[in-house]
Amino acid sequence: MGKKTIGREDCLDFPELDLKEVTCKIDTGAYTSSIHCSKIIEDGKSLRCKFYSKGHPNFNGKEVVFKTFTFADVKSSNGQVENRYKIKTTIIFFGKSYKINLTLSTRDDMKFPVLIGRQFLKKKFLVDVDLENESFKQKK
C-alpha cells in the first residue's frame, strides 16, 4: 500500500486526550511532534496535564493523566534546546488510529496548537503543500 497524501495542515482527533478537530500544522522541518499543554504537574509516577487554550476552543481544559512518560531534548525554532515531557497517545488520520509521540510545550501564542513532525510522518505520508485538511474532508 502506498503512502497517503496529506496537506500542510489538517484537523485531527486525539481520542485519548478527549480532543476533537484540533488544527495541526504538518511540519516537515520539525523532527518531533508537539502539542500545546497549558498545565503539567508531575505527581509521583504520573503526569497530570491540562490541554486548554483560549484561542483553540477544542482544547477543553480537561485533565488527562499519563502513567508513563519520558523526556526529550527538543531544539526549538529559535535554536534553543529544551528538555520536554514526552507522552505517547493516539491520533486519527483518515479514519485510522496511529500511535504518536508528542512532546508537551507551551504553544498558546501559536496559530497551531499541534505540530506533526517527520518522526511520525515518515513511511506513512507524503506532504503536498498545495493541499489542506485532506483527512478532515474525508471525515465529513
N, C-alpha and C. Protein backbone atom coordinates (compact mmCIF):
# COMPACT_ATOMS: atom_id res chain seq x y z
N MET A 1 0.84 -1.18 0.00
CA MET A 1 0.00 0.00 0.00
C MET A 1 0.89 1.25 0.00
N GLY A 2 0.54 2.23 -0.82
CA GLY A 2 1.32 3.46 -0.93
C GLY A 2 1.06 4.40 0.24
N LYS A 3 1.84 5.45 0.25
CA LYS A 3 1.68 6.46 1.30
C LYS A 3 0.49 7.34 0.97
N LYS A 4 -0.23 7.75 2.01
CA LYS A 4 -1.35 8.69 1.87
C LYS A 4 -0.78 10.09 1.68
N THR A 5 -1.43 10.89 0.85
CA THR A 5 -1.01 12.28 0.66
C THR A 5 -1.81 13.17 1.59
N ILE A 6 -1.09 14.00 2.34
CA ILE A 6 -1.71 14.96 3.24
C ILE A 6 -1.25 16.36 2.86
N GLY A 7 -1.96 17.34 3.37
CA GLY A 7 -1.62 18.73 3.09
C GLY A 7 -0.77 19.35 4.17
N ARG A 8 -0.63 20.67 4.10
CA ARG A 8 0.25 21.38 5.05
C ARG A 8 -0.39 21.59 6.42
N GLU A 9 -1.71 21.38 6.50
CA GLU A 9 -2.39 21.45 7.79
C GLU A 9 -3.61 20.54 7.73
N ASP A 10 -4.11 20.17 8.91
CA ASP A 10 -5.28 19.31 8.97
C ASP A 10 -5.96 19.47 10.32
N CYS A 11 -7.19 18.99 10.40
CA CYS A 11 -7.98 18.99 11.64
C CYS A 11 -8.06 17.54 12.10
N LEU A 12 -7.44 17.21 13.22
CA LEU A 12 -7.30 15.82 13.62
C LEU A 12 -7.82 15.58 15.03
N ASP A 13 -8.16 14.32 15.30
CA ASP A 13 -8.69 13.93 16.61
C ASP A 13 -7.63 13.20 17.42
N PHE A 14 -7.66 13.45 18.74
CA PHE A 14 -6.80 12.76 19.71
C PHE A 14 -7.74 12.15 20.75
N PRO A 15 -8.30 10.95 20.46
CA PRO A 15 -9.35 10.39 21.33
C PRO A 15 -8.95 10.19 22.79
N GLU A 16 -7.71 9.78 23.06
CA GLU A 16 -7.29 9.54 24.44
C GLU A 16 -7.15 10.84 25.23
N LEU A 17 -7.01 11.96 24.52
CA LEU A 17 -6.90 13.27 25.17
C LEU A 17 -8.25 13.99 25.19
N ASP A 18 -9.27 13.34 24.62
CA ASP A 18 -10.61 13.93 24.51
C ASP A 18 -10.56 15.25 23.73
N LEU A 19 -9.74 15.30 22.68
CA LEU A 19 -9.62 16.48 21.83
C LEU A 19 -10.04 16.11 20.42
N LYS A 20 -11.01 16.87 19.89
CA LYS A 20 -11.53 16.60 18.55
C LYS A 20 -11.30 17.79 17.64
N GLU A 21 -11.03 17.48 16.38
CA GLU A 21 -10.88 18.50 15.34
C GLU A 21 -9.91 19.62 15.73
N VAL A 22 -8.72 19.20 16.13
CA VAL A 22 -7.66 20.12 16.52
C VAL A 22 -6.87 20.52 15.27
N THR A 23 -6.64 21.81 15.11
CA THR A 23 -5.86 22.26 13.95
C THR A 23 -4.39 21.91 14.17
N CYS A 24 -3.83 21.19 13.20
CA CYS A 24 -2.47 20.70 13.28
C CYS A 24 -1.68 21.19 12.08
N LYS A 25 -0.46 21.64 12.32
CA LYS A 25 0.45 22.01 11.25
C LYS A 25 1.31 20.81 10.92
N ILE A 26 1.33 20.42 9.65
CA ILE A 26 2.20 19.34 9.21
C ILE A 26 3.55 19.99 8.94
N ASP A 27 4.54 19.67 9.76
CA ASP A 27 5.80 20.40 9.77
C ASP A 27 6.98 19.49 9.44
N THR A 28 7.33 19.44 8.16
CA THR A 28 8.45 18.57 7.75
C THR A 28 9.79 19.12 8.22
N GLY A 29 9.81 20.35 8.71
CA GLY A 29 11.04 20.92 9.26
C GLY A 29 11.30 20.50 10.69
N ALA A 30 10.27 19.95 11.34
CA ALA A 30 10.40 19.51 12.74
C ALA A 30 10.59 17.99 12.76
N TYR A 31 11.49 17.52 13.60
CA TYR A 31 11.68 16.08 13.74
C TYR A 31 10.58 15.50 14.63
N THR A 32 10.38 16.10 15.80
CA THR A 32 9.40 15.59 16.75
C THR A 32 8.06 16.29 16.57
N SER A 33 7.01 15.67 17.06
CA SER A 33 5.68 16.26 17.07
C SER A 33 5.44 16.84 18.46
N SER A 34 4.68 17.92 18.53
CA SER A 34 4.43 18.52 19.84
C SER A 34 2.99 19.01 19.93
N ILE A 35 2.52 19.13 21.17
CA ILE A 35 1.16 19.59 21.44
C ILE A 35 1.21 20.64 22.55
N HIS A 36 0.33 21.61 22.43
CA HIS A 36 0.24 22.65 23.46
C HIS A 36 -0.37 22.05 24.73
N CYS A 37 0.28 22.28 25.84
CA CYS A 37 -0.21 21.81 27.14
C CYS A 37 -0.14 22.99 28.10
N SER A 38 -1.29 23.37 28.67
CA SER A 38 -1.34 24.58 29.49
C SER A 38 -0.89 24.36 30.93
N LYS A 39 -0.97 23.12 31.41
CA LYS A 39 -0.58 22.86 32.80
C LYS A 39 -0.06 21.44 32.91
N ILE A 40 1.13 21.31 33.50
CA ILE A 40 1.74 19.99 33.68
C ILE A 40 2.17 19.86 35.14
N ILE A 41 1.70 18.80 35.78
CA ILE A 41 2.10 18.53 37.16
C ILE A 41 2.64 17.10 37.22
N GLU A 42 3.90 16.98 37.59
CA GLU A 42 4.48 15.65 37.79
C GLU A 42 4.14 15.25 39.21
N ASP A 43 3.40 14.15 39.31
CA ASP A 43 2.82 13.74 40.58
C ASP A 43 3.29 12.32 40.89
N GLY A 44 4.43 12.21 41.54
CA GLY A 44 4.96 10.87 41.80
C GLY A 44 5.37 10.21 40.51
N LYS A 45 4.64 9.16 40.14
CA LYS A 45 4.98 8.44 38.92
C LYS A 45 4.02 8.72 37.78
N SER A 46 3.22 9.77 37.89
CA SER A 46 2.31 10.10 36.80
C SER A 46 2.43 11.59 36.44
N LEU A 47 1.88 11.91 35.29
CA LEU A 47 1.91 13.27 34.77
C LEU A 47 0.47 13.72 34.58
N ARG A 48 0.11 14.80 35.27
CA ARG A 48 -1.26 15.35 35.14
C ARG A 48 -1.19 16.56 34.23
N CYS A 49 -1.94 16.50 33.13
CA CYS A 49 -1.86 17.55 32.11
C CYS A 49 -3.23 18.13 31.82
N LYS A 50 -3.23 19.45 31.57
CA LYS A 50 -4.44 20.11 31.10
C LYS A 50 -4.17 20.70 29.73
N PHE A 51 -5.07 20.40 28.81
CA PHE A 51 -4.97 20.92 27.46
C PHE A 51 -6.03 22.00 27.31
N TYR A 52 -5.61 23.24 27.56
CA TYR A 52 -6.53 24.37 27.48
C TYR A 52 -5.87 25.51 26.71
N SER A 53 -6.66 26.18 25.88
CA SER A 53 -6.17 27.34 25.16
C SER A 53 -7.35 28.23 24.78
N LYS A 54 -7.24 29.51 25.12
CA LYS A 54 -8.29 30.46 24.77
C LYS A 54 -8.51 30.51 23.27
N GLY A 55 -7.43 30.53 22.52
CA GLY A 55 -7.53 30.66 21.07
C GLY A 55 -7.94 29.40 20.34
N HIS A 56 -8.02 28.27 21.06
CA HIS A 56 -8.38 26.99 20.44
C HIS A 56 -9.49 26.35 21.27
N PRO A 57 -10.75 26.64 20.90
CA PRO A 57 -11.89 26.20 21.71
C PRO A 57 -11.99 24.69 21.89
N ASN A 58 -11.38 23.91 20.99
CA ASN A 58 -11.45 22.45 21.14
C ASN A 58 -10.52 21.95 22.25
N PHE A 59 -9.66 22.84 22.74
CA PHE A 59 -8.82 22.50 23.89
C PHE A 59 -9.64 22.82 25.13
N ASN A 60 -10.25 21.78 25.70
CA ASN A 60 -11.31 21.95 26.69
C ASN A 60 -10.83 22.08 28.14
N GLY A 61 -9.56 21.86 28.40
CA GLY A 61 -9.06 22.01 29.77
C GLY A 61 -9.28 20.82 30.67
N LYS A 62 -9.81 19.72 30.14
CA LYS A 62 -9.97 18.52 30.96
C LYS A 62 -8.60 17.96 31.32
N GLU A 63 -8.50 17.45 32.53
CA GLU A 63 -7.23 16.88 32.97
C GLU A 63 -7.06 15.46 32.42
N VAL A 64 -5.88 15.19 31.91
CA VAL A 64 -5.54 13.86 31.42
C VAL A 64 -4.32 13.39 32.22
N VAL A 65 -4.37 12.14 32.70
CA VAL A 65 -3.27 11.60 33.50
C VAL A 65 -2.53 10.55 32.68
N PHE A 66 -1.22 10.71 32.62
CA PHE A 66 -0.37 9.74 31.92
C PHE A 66 0.43 8.96 32.96
N LYS A 67 0.31 7.64 32.92
CA LYS A 67 1.06 6.78 33.85
C LYS A 67 2.49 6.60 33.38
N THR A 68 2.70 6.71 32.07
CA THR A 68 4.06 6.59 31.55
C THR A 68 4.38 7.84 30.72
N PHE A 69 5.60 8.31 30.90
CA PHE A 69 6.08 9.47 30.14
C PHE A 69 7.60 9.43 30.18
N THR A 70 8.20 10.14 29.25
CA THR A 70 9.66 10.24 29.22
C THR A 70 10.02 11.71 29.00
N PHE A 71 11.29 11.95 28.71
CA PHE A 71 11.76 13.30 28.42
C PHE A 71 12.47 13.27 27.07
N ALA A 72 12.45 14.40 26.39
CA ALA A 72 13.16 14.52 25.12
C ALA A 72 13.77 15.91 25.01
N ASP A 73 14.99 15.97 24.49
CA ASP A 73 15.60 17.26 24.17
C ASP A 73 15.08 17.69 22.81
N VAL A 74 14.52 18.88 22.74
CA VAL A 74 13.94 19.39 21.50
C VAL A 74 14.56 20.74 21.19
N LYS A 75 15.04 20.89 19.96
CA LYS A 75 15.57 22.18 19.54
C LYS A 75 14.42 22.99 18.96
N SER A 76 14.13 24.13 19.58
CA SER A 76 13.01 24.95 19.11
C SER A 76 13.41 25.73 17.86
N SER A 77 12.44 26.41 17.26
CA SER A 77 12.68 27.14 16.02
C SER A 77 13.73 28.24 16.19
N ASN A 78 13.92 28.70 17.44
CA ASN A 78 14.94 29.74 17.66
C ASN A 78 16.31 29.14 18.01
N GLY A 79 16.43 27.82 17.90
CA GLY A 79 17.72 27.16 18.09
C GLY A 79 18.03 26.74 19.51
N GLN A 80 17.18 27.07 20.46
CA GLN A 80 17.43 26.69 21.86
C GLN A 80 16.95 25.27 22.12
N VAL A 81 17.72 24.54 22.92
CA VAL A 81 17.34 23.18 23.26
C VAL A 81 16.57 23.19 24.58
N GLU A 82 15.41 22.56 24.54
CA GLU A 82 14.57 22.44 25.73
C GLU A 82 14.41 20.97 26.07
N ASN A 83 14.39 20.64 27.35
CA ASN A 83 14.08 19.29 27.78
C ASN A 83 12.59 19.26 28.09
N ARG A 84 11.83 18.50 27.30
CA ARG A 84 10.37 18.48 27.43
C ARG A 84 9.86 17.11 27.83
N TYR A 85 8.69 17.11 28.47
CA TYR A 85 7.98 15.86 28.72
C TYR A 85 7.53 15.29 27.37
N LYS A 86 7.53 13.96 27.28
CA LYS A 86 7.08 13.30 26.06
C LYS A 86 6.07 12.22 26.44
N ILE A 87 4.94 12.24 25.75
CA ILE A 87 3.89 11.25 26.01
C ILE A 87 3.58 10.49 24.72
N LYS A 88 2.95 9.36 24.88
CA LYS A 88 2.51 8.58 23.72
C LYS A 88 0.98 8.54 23.77
N THR A 89 0.35 8.83 22.63
CA THR A 89 -1.11 8.81 22.56
C THR A 89 -1.54 8.37 21.17
N THR A 90 -2.81 8.50 20.88
CA THR A 90 -3.38 8.09 19.59
C THR A 90 -3.85 9.31 18.82
N ILE A 91 -3.62 9.29 17.51
CA ILE A 91 -4.10 10.33 16.61
C ILE A 91 -4.88 9.63 15.49
N ILE A 92 -5.92 10.28 15.00
CA ILE A 92 -6.73 9.71 13.92
C ILE A 92 -6.43 10.45 12.61
N PHE A 93 -5.98 9.70 11.62
CA PHE A 93 -5.74 10.21 10.27
C PHE A 93 -6.55 9.37 9.30
N PHE A 94 -7.41 9.98 8.50
CA PHE A 94 -8.21 9.26 7.50
C PHE A 94 -8.96 8.08 8.12
N GLY A 95 -9.51 8.30 9.32
CA GLY A 95 -10.31 7.27 10.00
C GLY A 95 -9.51 6.14 10.62
N LYS A 96 -8.18 6.22 10.57
CA LYS A 96 -7.33 5.16 11.13
C LYS A 96 -6.56 5.69 12.33
N SER A 97 -6.44 4.85 13.36
CA SER A 97 -5.69 5.22 14.58
C SER A 97 -4.21 4.93 14.41
N TYR A 98 -3.39 5.89 14.84
CA TYR A 98 -1.94 5.73 14.85
C TYR A 98 -1.43 6.12 16.22
N LYS A 99 -0.38 5.44 16.67
CA LYS A 99 0.31 5.87 17.89
C LYS A 99 1.24 7.01 17.51
N ILE A 100 1.31 8.01 18.38
CA ILE A 100 2.19 9.15 18.12
C ILE A 100 2.85 9.58 19.42
N ASN A 101 4.14 9.92 19.32
CA ASN A 101 4.86 10.52 20.44
C ASN A 101 4.72 12.03 20.32
N LEU A 102 4.33 12.68 21.41
CA LEU A 102 4.18 14.13 21.42
C LEU A 102 4.98 14.72 22.57
N THR A 103 5.74 15.76 22.28
CA THR A 103 6.36 16.50 23.38
C THR A 103 5.36 17.56 23.81
N LEU A 104 5.38 17.91 25.08
CA LEU A 104 4.45 18.89 25.64
C LEU A 104 5.14 20.24 25.68
N SER A 105 4.50 21.25 25.10
CA SER A 105 5.11 22.58 25.07
C SER A 105 4.03 23.64 25.22
N THR A 106 4.47 24.87 25.43
CA THR A 106 3.54 25.99 25.51
C THR A 106 3.46 26.62 24.13
N ARG A 107 2.32 26.43 23.48
CA ARG A 107 2.12 26.95 22.13
C ARG A 107 0.91 27.87 22.09
N ASP A 108 0.57 28.46 23.23
CA ASP A 108 -0.63 29.29 23.32
C ASP A 108 -0.62 30.47 22.35
N ASP A 109 0.58 30.96 22.06
CA ASP A 109 0.69 32.12 21.17
C ASP A 109 0.84 31.71 19.71
N MET A 110 0.75 30.43 19.43
CA MET A 110 0.93 29.93 18.07
C MET A 110 -0.42 29.70 17.38
N LYS A 111 -0.43 29.81 16.05
CA LYS A 111 -1.65 29.57 15.27
C LYS A 111 -2.11 28.12 15.42
N PHE A 112 -1.15 27.20 15.44
CA PHE A 112 -1.46 25.78 15.52
C PHE A 112 -1.04 25.23 16.88
N PRO A 113 -1.98 24.61 17.62
CA PRO A 113 -1.61 24.04 18.92
C PRO A 113 -0.83 22.73 18.81
N VAL A 114 -0.81 22.15 17.60
CA VAL A 114 -0.11 20.88 17.39
C VAL A 114 0.78 20.97 16.15
N LEU A 115 2.00 20.46 16.29
CA LEU A 115 2.90 20.27 15.15
C LEU A 115 3.07 18.77 14.94
N ILE A 116 2.94 18.33 13.70
CA ILE A 116 3.19 16.93 13.36
C ILE A 116 4.51 16.89 12.60
N GLY A 117 5.53 16.24 13.18
CA GLY A 117 6.87 16.24 12.63
C GLY A 117 7.22 14.98 11.83
N ARG A 118 8.44 15.00 11.31
CA ARG A 118 8.93 13.93 10.42
C ARG A 118 8.95 12.56 11.08
N GLN A 119 9.26 12.50 12.35
CA GLN A 119 9.35 11.20 13.05
C GLN A 119 8.04 10.42 12.88
N PHE A 120 6.91 11.13 12.96
CA PHE A 120 5.60 10.48 12.78
C PHE A 120 5.28 10.27 11.30
N LEU A 121 5.60 11.23 10.46
CA LEU A 121 5.19 11.21 9.05
C LEU A 121 5.90 10.16 8.21
N LYS A 122 7.17 9.89 8.55
CA LYS A 122 7.98 9.02 7.68
C LYS A 122 7.36 7.64 7.50
N LYS A 123 7.46 7.15 6.30
CA LYS A 123 6.96 5.83 5.88
C LYS A 123 5.43 5.73 5.87
N LYS A 124 4.72 6.83 6.24
CA LYS A 124 3.26 6.78 6.24
C LYS A 124 2.61 7.79 5.28
N PHE A 125 3.19 8.99 5.21
CA PHE A 125 2.53 10.08 4.49
C PHE A 125 3.48 10.84 3.58
N LEU A 126 2.92 11.37 2.49
CA LEU A 126 3.58 12.34 1.63
C LEU A 126 2.89 13.67 1.88
N VAL A 127 3.65 14.76 1.87
CA VAL A 127 3.07 16.08 2.12
C VAL A 127 3.03 16.88 0.81
N ASP A 128 1.83 17.32 0.45
CA ASP A 128 1.64 18.21 -0.70
C ASP A 128 1.23 19.57 -0.14
N VAL A 129 2.12 20.56 -0.24
CA VAL A 129 1.86 21.86 0.40
C VAL A 129 0.72 22.64 -0.25
N ASP A 130 0.25 22.18 -1.40
CA ASP A 130 -0.90 22.83 -2.04
C ASP A 130 -2.23 22.38 -1.43
N LEU A 131 -2.20 21.35 -0.60
CA LEU A 131 -3.42 20.79 -0.02
C LEU A 131 -3.58 21.18 1.44
N GLU A 132 -4.85 21.15 1.90
CA GLU A 132 -5.18 21.37 3.31
C GLU A 132 -6.33 20.46 3.72
N ASN A 133 -6.31 20.02 4.97
CA ASN A 133 -7.42 19.30 5.60
C ASN A 133 -7.90 18.06 4.83
N GLU A 134 -6.98 17.31 4.27
CA GLU A 134 -7.35 16.12 3.50
C GLU A 134 -8.05 15.06 4.36
N SER A 135 -7.53 14.81 5.54
CA SER A 135 -8.14 13.83 6.45
C SER A 135 -9.50 14.34 6.93
N PHE A 136 -9.55 15.61 7.28
CA PHE A 136 -10.79 16.22 7.78
C PHE A 136 -11.89 16.20 6.71
N LYS A 137 -11.54 16.49 5.46
CA LYS A 137 -12.53 16.47 4.36
C LYS A 137 -13.10 15.07 4.19
N GLN A 138 -12.25 14.06 4.32
CA GLN A 138 -12.71 12.68 4.17
C GLN A 138 -13.66 12.29 5.30
N LYS A 139 -13.43 12.87 6.48
CA LYS A 139 -14.26 12.60 7.67
C LYS A 139 -15.69 13.12 7.45
N LYS A 140 -15.79 14.28 6.79
CA LYS A 140 -17.11 14.91 6.58
C LYS A 140 -17.84 14.15 5.55
